[in-house]
Amino acid sequence: MSYSISWKPSAVYITYLDRVTFDEFMGAILSIHVSENYASIRYVIHDMLNASDLDFSDVDMTKIVAHELGARFTNPNVRPAVVSTDPRMAAMTKLFSEKTHLQVGFFSN
């Protein structure tokens, strides 16, 4: 597994390591969305600083968007954020934000 999940009082923090596949990314997301804690958090922080590669396709992005929009019915107040220095991740975050119409925080340092 190339990620770890840490629950905080108002957030969940996911740290990704090495090569991150779509299945691993969705595994992290699914485990968060089904948690009883999801209804009370305000932030989901994706720390991609130690991810060496991201293996997502356009079809994968559509699946991520669909799942995120569905989870909004459980907790519409969650704000996603991404921490990464990878320009490709910045572009993927922007695309996700455009497709979901959500404000996604992107932090590069």
Protein backbone atom coordinates (compact mmCIF):
# COMPACT_ATOMS: atom_id res chain seq x y z
CA MET A 1 0.00 0.00 0.00
CA SER A 2 1.46 3.37 -0.99
CA TYR A 3 -0.55 5.54 1.39
CA SER A 4 -1.34 6.03 5.05
CA ILE A 5 -4.40 7.65 6.58
CA SER A 6 -4.39 9.75 9.74
CA TRP A 7 -7.64 11.03 11.26
CA LYS A 8 -7.57 14.40 13.03
CA PRO A 9 -10.47 16.09 14.88
CA SER A 10 -11.65 18.08 11.84
CA ALA A 11 -9.68 16.51 9.00
CA VAL A 12 -8.26 13.38 7.50
CA TYR A 13 -4.68 13.43 6.24
CA ILE A 14 -3.59 10.99 3.53
CA THR A 15 0.12 10.62 2.84
CA TYR A 16 1.04 8.97 -0.47
CA LEU A 17 4.39 7.31 -1.15
CA ASP A 18 6.16 6.15 -4.30
CA ARG A 19 4.01 5.28 -7.32
CA VAL A 20 0.30 5.85 -6.70
CA THR A 21 -2.08 3.86 -8.86
CA PHE A 22 -5.71 4.68 -9.44
CA ASP A 23 -6.75 1.62 -7.41
CA GLU A 24 -4.65 2.74 -4.45
CA PHE A 25 -5.97 6.29 -4.64
CA MET A 26 -9.57 5.06 -4.79
CA GLY A 27 -8.87 2.64 -1.95
CA ALA A 28 -7.85 5.57 0.25
CA ILE A 29 -10.86 7.63 -0.81
CA LEU A 30 -13.32 4.78 -0.32
CA SER A 31 -12.03 3.99 3.15
CA ILE A 32 -12.54 7.63 4.12
CA HIS A 33 -16.00 7.99 2.61
CA VAL A 34 -17.34 4.90 4.38
CA SER A 35 -15.96 5.90 7.78
CA GLU A 36 -18.43 7.11 10.40
CA ASN A 37 -16.01 10.02 10.97
CA TYR A 38 -16.50 11.34 7.43
CA ALA A 39 -19.74 13.11 8.31
CA SER A 40 -18.01 15.40 10.81
CA ILE A 41 -14.75 16.38 9.09
CA ARG A 42 -14.09 19.62 7.23
CA TYR A 43 -10.95 18.77 5.22
CA VAL A 44 -9.43 15.89 3.29
CA ILE A 45 -5.74 16.62 2.78
CA HIS A 46 -3.87 14.64 0.13
CA ASP A 47 -0.12 14.90 0.78
CA MET A 48 1.53 13.95 -2.53
CA LEU A 49 4.99 15.33 -1.72
CA ASN A 50 6.53 11.83 -1.59
CA ALA A 51 4.58 10.38 -4.52
CA SER A 52 7.01 9.65 -7.33
CA ASP A 53 4.40 8.90 -9.99
CA LEU A 54 0.64 9.10 -10.47
CA ASP A 55 -1.01 6.48 -12.63
CA PHE A 56 -4.46 7.92 -13.48
CA SER A 57 -6.24 8.09 -16.83
CA ASP A 58 -9.01 10.46 -17.96
CA VAL A 59 -11.52 7.67 -17.34
CA ASP A 60 -10.11 7.24 -13.83
CA MET A 61 -10.57 10.96 -13.18
CA THR A 62 -14.23 10.66 -14.18
CA LYS A 63 -14.67 7.85 -11.64
CA ILE A 64 -13.00 9.92 -8.91
CA VAL A 65 -15.27 12.87 -9.70
CA ALA A 66 -18.41 10.71 -9.64
CA HIS A 67 -17.49 9.20 -6.30
CA GLU A 68 -16.64 12.58 -4.76
CA LEU A 69 -19.94 14.08 -5.88
CA GLY A 70 -21.80 11.13 -4.38
CA ALA A 71 -19.98 11.53 -1.06
CA ARG A 72 -21.16 15.15 -0.94
CA PHE A 73 -24.60 13.87 0.07
CA THR A 74 -23.07 12.57 3.32
CA ASN A 75 -20.98 15.65 4.05
CA PRO A 76 -21.32 18.67 1.75
CA ASN A 77 -18.95 20.74 3.91
CA VAL A 78 -15.73 18.81 3.23
CA ARG A 79 -13.05 20.75 1.41
CA PRO A 80 -10.35 18.76 -0.37
CA ALA A 81 -6.76 19.98 -0.46
CA VAL A 82 -3.66 18.71 -2.24
CA VAL A 83 -0.03 19.23 -1.27
CA SER A 84 2.41 18.57 -4.13
CA THR A 85 5.27 20.08 -6.12
CA ASP A 86 4.42 17.99 -9.20
CA PRO A 87 3.05 20.10 -12.10
CA ARG A 88 1.05 17.09 -13.30
CA MET A 89 -0.70 16.88 -9.93
CA ALA A 90 -1.44 20.60 -10.10
CA ALA A 91 -3.07 20.06 -13.50
CA MET A 92 -5.06 17.06 -12.25
CA THR A 93 -6.23 19.04 -9.21
CA LYS A 94 -7.37 21.89 -11.45
CA LEU A 95 -9.25 19.44 -13.71
CA PHE A 96 -10.91 17.81 -10.67
CA SER A 97 -11.95 21.22 -9.38
CA GLU A 98 -13.42 22.20 -12.75
CA LYS A 99 -15.35 18.94 -13.12
CA THR A 100 -16.76 18.97 -9.57
CA HIS A 101 -17.21 22.76 -9.24
CA LEU A 102 -15.53 22.46 -5.83
CA GLN A 103 -12.90 24.75 -4.43
CA VAL A 104 -9.86 22.55 -4.02
CA GLY A 105 -6.87 23.93 -2.17
CA PHE A 106 -3.53 23.29 -3.86
CA PHE A 107 -0.34 23.91 -1.93
CA SER A 108 3.10 23.48 -3.47
CA ASN A 109 5.25 24.14 -0.42
